[in-house]
Amino acid sequence: MATFSTVSIKEARESVLPPRRATQERYREYVRQLTPETAGRLDLEPNDRPITERARLKAAAKAEGVSLHIQRRGNTIVFWLSEEPPKPRGGPRGGRRRTP
């Protein structure tokens, strides 16, 4: 027989999201909790890739319309709201345009 239980509407909605989308939503929630007086901290597990975690934070900040200052030391990433606009990426797709 099936087991019945009640859960919050937030938990119910999160439980039916695809795994990637659920991860994105979790990171957006981290960013939404930040205030000018607080910072976030991620303690990485041995199998976590720092570059992936940083990219997730940057994507969440972009989706929320804010800029983050992100720093890493060892297995810890700290981040806080920044007034500085995101820097343009260099290379052929970003940065300066060449004029003919």
PDB file of N, CA and C in Angstrom:
ATOM      1  N   MET A   1       0.835  -1.169   0.000  1.00  0.00           N
ATOM      2  CA  MET A   1       0.000   0.000   0.000  1.00  0.00           C
ATOM      3  C   MET A   1       0.892   1.248   0.000  1.00  0.00           C
ATOM      4  N   ALA A   2       0.480   2.281  -0.680  1.00  0.00           N
ATOM      5  CA  ALA A   2       1.221   3.529  -0.757  1.00  0.00           C
ATOM      6  C   ALA A   2       1.227   4.227   0.600  1.00  0.00           C
ATOM      7  N   THR A   3       2.281   4.986   0.858  1.00  0.00           N
ATOM      8  CA  THR A   3       2.407   5.738   2.100  1.00  0.00           C
ATOM      9  C   THR A   3       2.067   7.197   1.835  1.00  0.00           C
ATOM     10  N   PHE A   4       1.217   7.753   2.658  1.00  0.00           N
ATOM     11  CA  PHE A   4       0.804   9.144   2.522  1.00  0.00           C
ATOM     12  C   PHE A   4       1.572  10.012   3.507  1.00  0.00           C
ATOM     13  N   SER A   5       1.999  11.188   3.039  1.00  0.00           N
ATOM     14  CA  SER A   5       2.594  12.181   3.936  1.00  0.00           C
ATOM     15  C   SER A   5       2.340  13.558   3.345  1.00  0.00           C
ATOM     16  N   THR A   6       2.476  14.562   4.168  1.00  0.00           N
ATOM     17  CA  THR A   6       2.319  15.929   3.675  1.00  0.00           C
ATOM     18  C   THR A   6       3.695  16.588   3.636  1.00  0.00           C
ATOM     19  N   VAL A   7       3.875  17.460   2.655  1.00  0.00           N
ATOM     20  CA  VAL A   7       5.127  18.195   2.489  1.00  0.00           C
ATOM     21  C   VAL A   7       4.776  19.630   2.146  1.00  0.00           C
ATOM     22  N   SER A   8       5.743  20.504   2.270  1.00  0.00           N
ATOM     23  CA  SER A   8       5.501  21.897   1.896  1.00  0.00           C
ATOM     24  C   SER A   8       5.337  21.988   0.379  1.00  0.00           C
ATOM     25  N   ILE A   9       4.656  23.019  -0.066  1.00  0.00           N
ATOM     26  CA  ILE A   9       4.460  23.207  -1.501  1.00  0.00           C
ATOM     27  C   ILE A   9       5.810  23.415  -2.187  1.00  0.00           C
ATOM     28  N   LYS A  10       6.744  24.076  -1.507  1.00  0.00           N
ATOM     29  CA  LYS A  10       8.088  24.282  -2.060  1.00  0.00           C
ATOM     30  C   LYS A  10       8.780  22.944  -2.308  1.00  0.00           C
ATOM     31  N   GLU A  11       8.721  22.069  -1.321  1.00  0.00           N
ATOM     32  CA  GLU A  11       9.343  20.744  -1.456  1.00  0.00           C
ATOM     33  C   GLU A  11       8.675  19.940  -2.563  1.00  0.00           C
ATOM     34  N   ALA A  12       7.356  20.021  -2.661  1.00  0.00           N
ATOM     35  CA  ALA A  12       6.636  19.299  -3.701  1.00  0.00           C
ATOM     36  C   ALA A  12       7.058  19.773  -5.085  1.00  0.00           C
ATOM     37  N   ARG A  13       7.132  21.085  -5.266  1.00  0.00           N
ATOM     38  CA  ARG A  13       7.523  21.627  -6.576  1.00  0.00           C
ATOM     39  C   ARG A  13       8.957  21.254  -6.927  1.00  0.00           C
ATOM     40  N   GLU A  14       9.858  21.314  -5.947  1.00  0.00           N
ATOM     41  CA  GLU A  14      11.255  20.966  -6.190  1.00  0.00           C
ATOM     42  C   GLU A  14      11.430  19.488  -6.524  1.00  0.00           C
ATOM     43  N   SER A  15      10.586  18.640  -5.945  1.00  0.00           N
ATOM     44  CA  SER A  15      10.743  17.197  -6.142  1.00  0.00           C
ATOM     45  C   SER A  15      10.418  16.748  -7.565  1.00  0.00           C
ATOM     46  N   VAL A  16       9.680  17.556  -8.314  1.00  0.00           N
ATOM     47  CA  VAL A  16       9.327  17.162  -9.678  1.00  0.00           C
ATOM     48  C   VAL A  16      10.155  17.879 -10.733  1.00  0.00           C
ATOM     49  N   LEU A  17      11.085  18.730 -10.317  1.00  0.00           N
ATOM     50  CA  LEU A  17      11.963  19.403 -11.274  1.00  0.00           C
ATOM     51  C   LEU A  17      13.031  18.436 -11.779  1.00  0.00           C
ATOM     52  N   PRO A  18      13.455  18.605 -13.030  1.00  0.00           N
ATOM     53  CA  PRO A  18      14.608  17.819 -13.499  1.00  0.00           C
ATOM     54  C   PRO A  18      15.828  18.148 -12.632  1.00  0.00           C
ATOM     55  N   PRO A  19      16.760  17.227 -12.465  1.00  0.00           N
ATOM     56  CA  PRO A  19      17.900  17.445 -11.561  1.00  0.00           C
ATOM     57  C   PRO A  19      18.680  18.731 -11.842  1.00  0.00           C
ATOM     58  N   ARG A  20      18.945  19.037 -13.091  1.00  0.00           N
ATOM     59  CA  ARG A  20      19.709  20.240 -13.414  1.00  0.00           C
ATOM     60  C   ARG A  20      18.939  21.495 -12.992  1.00  0.00           C
ATOM     61  N   ARG A  21      17.657  21.513 -13.269  1.00  0.00           N
ATOM     62  CA  ARG A  21      16.825  22.670 -12.910  1.00  0.00           C
ATOM     63  C   ARG A  21      16.725  22.815 -11.389  1.00  0.00           C
ATOM     64  N   ALA A  22      16.634  21.691 -10.681  1.00  0.00           N
ATOM     65  CA  ALA A  22      16.589  21.735  -9.219  1.00  0.00           C
ATOM     66  C   ALA A  22      17.872  22.337  -8.664  1.00  0.00           C
ATOM     67  N   THR A  23      19.017  21.985  -9.245  1.00  0.00           N
ATOM     68  CA  THR A  23      20.293  22.545  -8.818  1.00  0.00           C
ATOM     69  C   THR A  23      20.327  24.043  -9.079  1.00  0.00           C
ATOM     70  N   GLN A  24      19.873  24.458 -10.257  1.00  0.00           N
ATOM     71  CA  GLN A  24      19.831  25.891 -10.583  1.00  0.00           C
ATOM     72  C   GLN A  24      18.974  26.647  -9.580  1.00  0.00           C
ATOM     73  N   GLU A  25      17.827  26.112  -9.257  1.00  0.00           N
ATOM     74  CA  GLU A  25      16.926  26.771  -8.310  1.00  0.00           C
ATOM     75  C   GLU A  25      17.545  26.864  -6.921  1.00  0.00           C
ATOM     76  N   ARG A  26      18.284  25.840  -6.522  1.00  0.00           N
ATOM     77  CA  ARG A  26      18.931  25.851  -5.211  1.00  0.00           C
ATOM     78  C   ARG A  26      19.983  26.965  -5.156  1.00  0.00           C
ATOM     79  N   TYR A  27      20.771  27.116  -6.214  1.00  0.00           N
ATOM     80  CA  TYR A  27      21.784  28.160  -6.250  1.00  0.00           C
ATOM     81  C   TYR A  27      21.153  29.549  -6.316  1.00  0.00           C
ATOM     82  N   ARG A  28      20.047  29.692  -7.040  1.00  0.00           N
ATOM     83  CA  ARG A  28      19.349  30.979  -7.074  1.00  0.00           C
ATOM     84  C   ARG A  28      18.845  31.339  -5.687  1.00  0.00           C
ATOM     85  N   GLU A  29      18.402  30.340  -4.938  1.00  0.00           N
ATOM     86  CA  GLU A  29      17.943  30.576  -3.564  1.00  0.00           C
ATOM     87  C   GLU A  29      19.103  31.063  -2.693  1.00  0.00           C
ATOM     88  N   TYR A  30      20.303  30.486  -2.869  1.00  0.00           N
ATOM     89  CA  TYR A  30      21.473  30.947  -2.128  1.00  0.00           C
ATOM     90  C   TYR A  30      21.707  32.433  -2.396  1.00  0.00           C
ATOM     91  N   VAL A  31      21.640  32.808  -3.676  1.00  0.00           N
ATOM     92  CA  VAL A  31      21.904  34.198  -4.069  1.00  0.00           C
ATOM     93  C   VAL A  31      20.822  35.129  -3.529  1.00  0.00           C
ATOM     94  N   ARG A  32      19.572  34.709  -3.574  1.00  0.00           N
ATOM     95  CA  ARG A  32      18.474  35.548  -3.076  1.00  0.00           C
ATOM     96  C   ARG A  32      18.592  35.833  -1.580  1.00  0.00           C
ATOM     97  N   GLN A  33      19.231  34.960  -0.831  1.00  0.00           N
ATOM     98  CA  GLN A  33      19.366  35.142   0.612  1.00  0.00           C
ATOM     99  C   GLN A  33      20.407  36.201   0.997  1.00  0.00           C
ATOM    100  N   LEU A  34      21.255  36.582   0.042  1.00  0.00           N
ATOM    101  CA  LEU A  34      22.320  37.537   0.338  1.00  0.00           C
ATOM    102  C   LEU A  34      21.775  38.949   0.540  1.00  0.00           C
ATOM    103  N   THR A  35      22.381  39.662   1.466  1.00  0.00           N
ATOM    104  CA  THR A  35      22.103  41.081   1.666  1.00  0.00           C
ATOM    105  C   THR A  35      23.449  41.796   1.618  1.00  0.00           C
ATOM    106  N   PRO A  36      23.459  43.125   1.567  1.00  0.00           N
ATOM    107  CA  PRO A  36      24.753  43.826   1.578  1.00  0.00           C
ATOM    108  C   PRO A  36      25.595  43.527   2.831  1.00  0.00           C
ATOM    109  N   GLU A  37      24.972  43.044   3.884  1.00  0.00           N
ATOM    110  CA  GLU A  37      25.700  42.754   5.127  1.00  0.00           C
ATOM    111  C   GLU A  37      26.042  41.274   5.297  1.00  0.00           C
ATOM    112  N   THR A  38      25.658  40.427   4.353  1.00  0.00           N
ATOM    113  CA  THR A  38      25.934  38.995   4.495  1.00  0.00           C
ATOM    114  C   THR A  38      26.693  38.455   3.290  1.00  0.00           C
ATOM    115  N   ALA A  39      27.286  37.304   3.482  1.00  0.00           N
ATOM    116  CA  ALA A  39      27.994  36.596   2.412  1.00  0.00           C
ATOM    117  C   ALA A  39      27.571  35.141   2.446  1.00  0.00           C
ATOM    118  N   GLY A  40      27.819  34.456   1.356  1.00  0.00           N
ATOM    119  CA  GLY A  40      27.532  33.032   1.286  1.00  0.00           C
ATOM    120  C   GLY A  40      28.821  32.239   1.333  1.00  0.00           C
ATOM    121  N   ARG A  41      28.698  30.993   1.707  1.00  0.00           N
ATOM    122  CA  ARG A  41      29.873  30.124   1.795  1.00  0.00           C
ATOM    123  C   ARG A  41      29.485  28.733   1.322  1.00  0.00           C
ATOM    124  N   LEU A  42      30.278  28.199   0.416  1.00  0.00           N
ATOM    125  CA  LEU A  42      30.110  26.820  -0.039  1.00  0.00           C
ATOM    126  C   LEU A  42      31.322  26.028   0.419  1.00  0.00           C
ATOM    127  N   ASP A  43      31.095  24.966   1.154  1.00  0.00           N
ATOM    128  CA  ASP A  43      32.163  24.052   1.533  1.00  0.00           C
ATOM    129  C   ASP A  43      32.112  22.882   0.568  1.00  0.00           C
ATOM    130  N   LEU A  44      33.147  22.761  -0.247  1.00  0.00           N
ATOM    131  CA  LEU A  44      33.162  21.758  -1.296  1.00  0.00           C
ATOM    132  C   LEU A  44      33.514  20.376  -0.771  1.00  0.00           C
ATOM    133  N   GLU A  45      32.853  19.389  -1.337  1.00  0.00           N
ATOM    134  CA  GLU A  45      33.171  17.990  -1.060  1.00  0.00           C
ATOM    135  C   GLU A  45      34.318  17.576  -1.984  1.00  0.00           C
ATOM    136  N   PRO A  46      35.016  16.492  -1.673  1.00  0.00           N
ATOM    137  CA  PRO A  46      36.150  16.079  -2.512  1.00  0.00           C
ATOM    138  C   PRO A  46      35.791  15.865  -3.992  1.00  0.00           C
ATOM    139  N   ASN A  47      34.563  15.435  -4.287  1.00  0.00           N
ATOM    140  CA  ASN A  47      34.192  15.186  -5.680  1.00  0.00           C
ATOM    141  C   ASN A  47      33.587  16.415  -6.369  1.00  0.00           C
ATOM    142  N   ASP A  48      33.455  17.553  -5.676  1.00  0.00           N
ATOM    143  CA  ASP A  48      32.944  18.780  -6.283  1.00  0.00           C
ATOM    144  C   ASP A  48      34.052  19.454  -7.086  1.00  0.00           C
ATOM    145  N   ARG A  49      33.690  19.970  -8.247  1.00  0.00           N
ATOM    146  CA  ARG A  49      34.647  20.710  -9.074  1.00  0.00           C
ATOM    147  C   ARG A  49      34.468  22.205  -8.806  1.00  0.00           C
ATOM    148  N   PRO A  50      35.500  22.873  -8.308  1.00  0.00           N
ATOM    149  CA  PRO A  50      35.382  24.302  -7.993  1.00  0.00           C
ATOM    150  C   PRO A  50      34.919  25.143  -9.180  1.00  0.00           C
ATOM    151  N   ILE A  51      35.396  24.847 -10.364  1.00  0.00           N
ATOM    152  CA  ILE A  51      35.016  25.630 -11.539  1.00  0.00           C
ATOM    153  C   ILE A  51      33.529  25.466 -11.853  1.00  0.00           C
ATOM    154  N   THR A  52      32.987  24.287 -11.611  1.00  0.00           N
ATOM    155  CA  THR A  52      31.567  24.045 -11.827  1.00  0.00           C
ATOM    156  C   THR A  52      30.737  24.813 -10.802  1.00  0.00           C
ATOM    157  N   GLU A  53      31.149  24.776  -9.558  1.00  0.00           N
ATOM    158  CA  GLU A  53      30.417  25.484  -8.505  1.00  0.00           C
ATOM    159  C   GLU A  53      30.447  26.990  -8.748  1.00  0.00           C
ATOM    160  N   ARG A  54      31.585  27.500  -9.182  1.00  0.00           N
ATOM    161  CA  ARG A  54      31.707  28.924  -9.498  1.00  0.00           C
ATOM    162  C   ARG A  54      30.777  29.291 -10.652  1.00  0.00           C
ATOM    163  N   ALA A  55      30.745  28.456 -11.676  1.00  0.00           N
ATOM    164  CA  ALA A  55      29.865  28.714 -12.824  1.00  0.00           C
ATOM    165  C   ALA A  55      28.397  28.700 -12.402  1.00  0.00           C
ATOM    166  N   ARG A  56      28.026  27.801 -11.513  1.00  0.00           N
ATOM    167  CA  ARG A  56      26.645  27.756 -11.020  1.00  0.00           C
ATOM    168  C   ARG A  56      26.288  29.030 -10.261  1.00  0.00           C
ATOM    169  N   LEU A  57      27.215  29.512  -9.446  1.00  0.00           N
ATOM    170  CA  LEU A  57      26.977  30.760  -8.715  1.00  0.00           C
ATOM    171  C   LEU A  57      26.828  31.939  -9.673  1.00  0.00           C
ATOM    172  N   LYS A  58      27.704  32.009 -10.673  1.00  0.00           N
ATOM    173  CA  LYS A  58      27.642  33.108 -11.635  1.00  0.00           C
ATOM    174  C   LYS A  58      26.341  33.069 -12.422  1.00  0.00           C
ATOM    175  N   ALA A  59      25.904  31.883 -12.817  1.00  0.00           N
ATOM    176  CA  ALA A  59      24.647  31.753 -13.566  1.00  0.00           C
ATOM    177  C   ALA A  59      23.457  32.154 -12.696  1.00  0.00           C
ATOM    178  N   ALA A  60      23.487  31.769 -11.436  1.00  0.00           N
ATOM    179  CA  ALA A  60      22.397  32.131 -10.517  1.00  0.00           C
ATOM    180  C   ALA A  60      22.350  33.643 -10.319  1.00  0.00           C
ATOM    181  N   ALA A  61      23.511  34.260 -10.158  1.00  0.00           N
ATOM    182  CA  ALA A  61      23.565  35.712  -9.977  1.00  0.00           C
ATOM    183  C   ALA A  61      23.029  36.419 -11.219  1.00  0.00           C
ATOM    184  N   LYS A  62      23.422  35.946 -12.379  1.00  0.00           N
ATOM    185  CA  LYS A  62      22.940  36.547 -13.629  1.00  0.00           C
ATOM    186  C   LYS A  62      21.427  36.419 -13.733  1.00  0.00           C
ATOM    187  N   ALA A  63      20.908  35.254 -13.403  1.00  0.00           N
ATOM    188  CA  ALA A  63      19.458  35.022 -13.462  1.00  0.00           C
ATOM    189  C   ALA A  63      18.709  35.921 -12.478  1.00  0.00           C
ATOM    190  N   GLU A  64      19.335  36.240 -11.358  1.00  0.00           N
ATOM    191  CA  GLU A  64      18.721  37.092 -10.343  1.00  0.00           C
ATOM    192  C   GLU A  64      19.000  38.578 -10.590  1.00  0.00           C
ATOM    193  N   GLY A  65      19.831  38.881 -11.590  1.00  0.00           N
ATOM    194  CA  GLY A  65      20.121  40.268 -11.931  1.00  0.00           C
ATOM    195  C   GLY A  65      21.051  40.976 -10.963  1.00  0.00           C
ATOM    196  N   VAL A  66      21.961  40.230 -10.350  1.00  0.00           N
ATOM    197  CA  VAL A  66      22.922  40.820  -9.422  1.00  0.00           C
ATOM    198  C   VAL A  66      24.333  40.401  -9.811  1.00  0.00           C
ATOM    199  N   SER A  67      25.312  41.094  -9.250  1.00  0.00           N
ATOM    200  CA  SER A  67      26.716  40.739  -9.451  1.00  0.00           C
ATOM    201  C   SER A  67      27.262  40.168  -8.148  1.00  0.00           C
ATOM    202  N   LEU A  68      28.121  39.188  -8.278  1.00  0.00           N
ATOM    203  CA  LEU A  68      28.745  38.578  -7.102  1.00  0.00           C
ATOM    204  C   LEU A  68      30.254  38.729  -7.163  1.00  0.00           C
ATOM    205  N   HIS A  69      30.847  38.878  -5.998  1.00  0.00           N
ATOM    206  CA  HIS A  69      32.287  38.759  -5.846  1.00  0.00           C
ATOM    207  C   HIS A  69      32.494  37.343  -5.309  1.00  0.00           C
ATOM    208  N   ILE A  70      33.291  36.541  -6.009  1.00  0.00           N
ATOM    209  CA  ILE A  70      33.477  35.134  -5.638  1.00  0.00           C
ATOM    210  C   ILE A  70      34.962  34.886  -5.417  1.00  0.00           C
ATOM    211  N   GLN A  71      35.299  34.264  -4.286  1.00  0.00           N
ATOM    212  CA  GLN A  71      36.680  33.898  -4.005  1.00  0.00           C
ATOM    213  C   GLN A  71      36.725  32.477  -3.446  1.00  0.00           C
ATOM    214  N   ARG A  72      37.843  31.817  -3.735  1.00  0.00           N
ATOM    215  CA  ARG A  72      38.016  30.446  -3.262  1.00  0.00           C
ATOM    216  C   ARG A  72      39.343  30.309  -2.547  1.00  0.00           C
ATOM    217  N   ARG A  73      39.322  29.564  -1.467  1.00  0.00           N
ATOM    218  CA  ARG A  73      40.540  29.166  -0.781  1.00  0.00           C
ATOM    219  C   ARG A  73      40.381  27.712  -0.404  1.00  0.00           C
ATOM    220  N   GLY A  74      41.189  26.873  -1.003  1.00  0.00           N
ATOM    221  CA  GLY A  74      41.099  25.440  -0.734  1.00  0.00           C
ATOM    222  C   GLY A  74      39.745  24.895  -1.141  1.00  0.00           C
ATOM    223  N   ASN A  75      39.063  24.279  -0.206  1.00  0.00           N
ATOM    224  CA  ASN A  75      37.760  23.675  -0.480  1.00  0.00           C
ATOM    225  C   ASN A  75      36.591  24.562  -0.060  1.00  0.00           C
ATOM    226  N   THR A  76      36.836  25.858   0.070  1.00  0.00           N
ATOM    227  CA  THR A  76      35.789  26.787   0.470  1.00  0.00           C
ATOM    228  C   THR A  76      35.658  27.900  -0.556  1.00  0.00           C
ATOM    229  N   ILE A  77      34.422  28.162  -0.956  1.00  0.00           N
ATOM    230  CA  ILE A  77      34.130  29.287  -1.841  1.00  0.00           C
ATOM    231  C   ILE A  77      33.253  30.248  -1.045  1.00  0.00           C
ATOM    232  N   VAL A  78      33.643  31.519  -1.021  1.00  0.00           N
ATOM    233  CA  VAL A  78      32.825  32.545  -0.390  1.00  0.00           C
ATOM    234  C   VAL A  78      32.394  33.525  -1.470  1.00  0.00           C
ATOM    235  N   PHE A  79      31.220  34.113  -1.283  1.00  0.00           N
ATOM    236  CA  PHE A  79      30.692  35.033  -2.287  1.00  0.00           C
ATOM    237  C   PHE A  79      29.791  36.044  -1.610  1.00  0.00           C
ATOM    238  N   TRP A  80      29.763  37.247  -2.181  1.00  0.00           N
ATOM    239  CA  TRP A  80      28.910  38.310  -1.662  1.00  0.00           C
ATOM    240  C   TRP A  80      28.501  39.221  -2.793  1.00  0.00           C
ATOM    241  N   LEU A  81      27.472  40.021  -2.522  1.00  0.00           N
ATOM    242  CA  LEU A  81      26.967  40.949  -3.523  1.00  0.00           C
ATOM    243  C   LEU A  81      28.023  41.994  -3.836  1.00  0.00           C
ATOM    244  N   SER A  82      28.100  42.360  -5.107  1.00  0.00           N
ATOM    245  CA  SER A  82      29.073  43.338  -5.563  1.00  0.00           C
ATOM    246  C   SER A  82      28.351  44.425  -6.336  1.00  0.00           C
ATOM    247  N   GLU A  83      28.803  45.651  -6.174  1.00  0.00           N
ATOM    248  CA  GLU A  83      28.238  46.770  -6.939  1.00  0.00           C
ATOM    249  C   GLU A  83      28.825  46.816  -8.340  1.00  0.00           C
ATOM    250  N   GLU A  84      29.934  46.130  -8.537  1.00  0.00           N
ATOM    251  CA  GLU A  84      30.632  46.152  -9.811  1.00  0.00           C
ATOM    252  C   GLU A  84      29.866  45.359 -10.856  1.00  0.00           C
ATOM    253  N   PRO A  85      29.655  45.934 -12.053  1.00  0.00           N
ATOM    254  CA  PRO A  85      28.980  45.161 -13.096  1.00  0.00           C
ATOM    255  C   PRO A  85      29.874  44.019 -13.572  1.00  0.00           C
ATOM    256  N   PRO A  86      29.282  42.947 -14.096  1.00  0.00           N
ATOM    257  CA  PRO A  86      30.101  41.827 -14.579  1.00  0.00           C
ATOM    258  C   PRO A  86      31.068  42.289 -15.675  1.00  0.00           C
ATOM    259  N   LYS A  87      32.272  41.746 -15.650  1.00  0.00           N
ATOM    260  CA  LYS A  87      33.278  42.105 -16.640  1.00  0.00           C
ATOM    261  C   LYS A  87      33.006  41.363 -17.943  1.00  0.00           C
ATOM    262  N   PRO A  88      33.185  42.040 -19.095  1.00  0.00           N
ATOM    263  CA  PRO A  88      33.001  41.339 -20.364  1.00  0.00           C
ATOM    264  C   PRO A  88      34.111  40.311 -20.550  1.00  0.00           C
ATOM    265  N   ARG A  89      33.756  39.230 -21.173  1.00  0.00           N
ATOM    266  CA  ARG A  89      34.739  38.176 -21.415  1.00  0.00           C
ATOM    267  C   ARG A  89      35.568  38.522 -22.633  1.00  0.00           C
ATOM    268  N   GLY A  90      36.815  38.155 -22.615  1.00  0.00           N
ATOM    269  CA  GLY A  90      37.701  38.390 -23.755  1.00  0.00           C
ATOM    270  C   GLY A  90      37.491  37.324 -24.817  1.00  0.00           C
ATOM    271  N   GLY A  91      38.262  37.395 -25.866  1.00  0.00           N
ATOM    272  CA  GLY A  91      38.169  36.390 -26.913  1.00  0.00           C
ATOM    273  C   GLY A  91      37.321  36.855 -28.072  1.00  0.00           C
ATOM    274  N   PRO A  92      37.129  35.979 -29.055  1.00  0.00           N
ATOM    275  CA  PRO A  92      36.425  36.378 -30.277  1.00  0.00           C
ATOM    276  C   PRO A  92      34.950  36.687 -30.079  1.00  0.00           C
ATOM    277  N   ARG A  93      34.315  36.151 -29.049  1.00  0.00           N
ATOM    278  CA  ARG A  93      32.869  36.380 -28.868  1.00  0.00           C
ATOM    279  C   ARG A  93      32.557  37.534 -27.923  1.00  0.00           C
ATOM    280  N   GLY A  94      33.498  37.919 -27.097  1.00  0.00           N
ATOM    281  CA  GLY A  94      33.227  38.960 -26.117  1.00  0.00           C
ATOM    282  C   GLY A  94      34.304  40.002 -26.133  1.00  0.00           C
ATOM    283  N   GLY A  95      34.205  40.937 -25.236  1.00  0.00           N
ATOM    284  CA  GLY A  95      35.222  41.975 -25.162  1.00  0.00           C
ATOM    285  C   GLY A  95      35.059  43.014 -26.239  1.00  0.00           C
ATOM    286  N   ARG A  96      36.194  43.572 -26.715  1.00  0.00           N
ATOM    287  CA  ARG A  96      36.151  44.637 -27.715  1.00  0.00           C
ATOM    288  C   ARG A  96      35.798  44.104 -29.087  1.00  0.00           C
ATOM    289  N   ARG A  97      35.100  44.920 -29.825  1.00  0.00           N
ATOM    290  CA  ARG A  97      34.808  44.574 -31.218  1.00  0.00           C
ATOM    291  C   ARG A  97      35.849  45.210 -32.113  1.00  0.00           C
ATOM    292  N   ARG A  98      36.199  44.512 -33.128  1.00  0.00           N
ATOM    293  CA  ARG A  98      37.144  45.069 -34.103  1.00  0.00           C
ATOM    294  C   ARG A  98      36.380  45.888 -35.116  1.00  0.00           C
ATOM    295  N   THR A  99      36.933  47.018 -35.460  1.00  0.00           N
ATOM    296  CA  THR A  99      36.292  47.849 -36.467  1.00  0.00           C
ATOM    297  C   THR A  99      37.076  47.747 -37.760  1.00  0.00           C
ATOM    298  N   PRO A 100      36.394  47.606 -38.876  1.00  0.00           N
ATOM    299  CA  PRO A 100      37.101  47.460 -40.175  1.00  0.00           C
ATOM    300  C   PRO A 100      37.749  48.741 -40.617  1.00  0.00           C
TER     301      PRO A 100
END
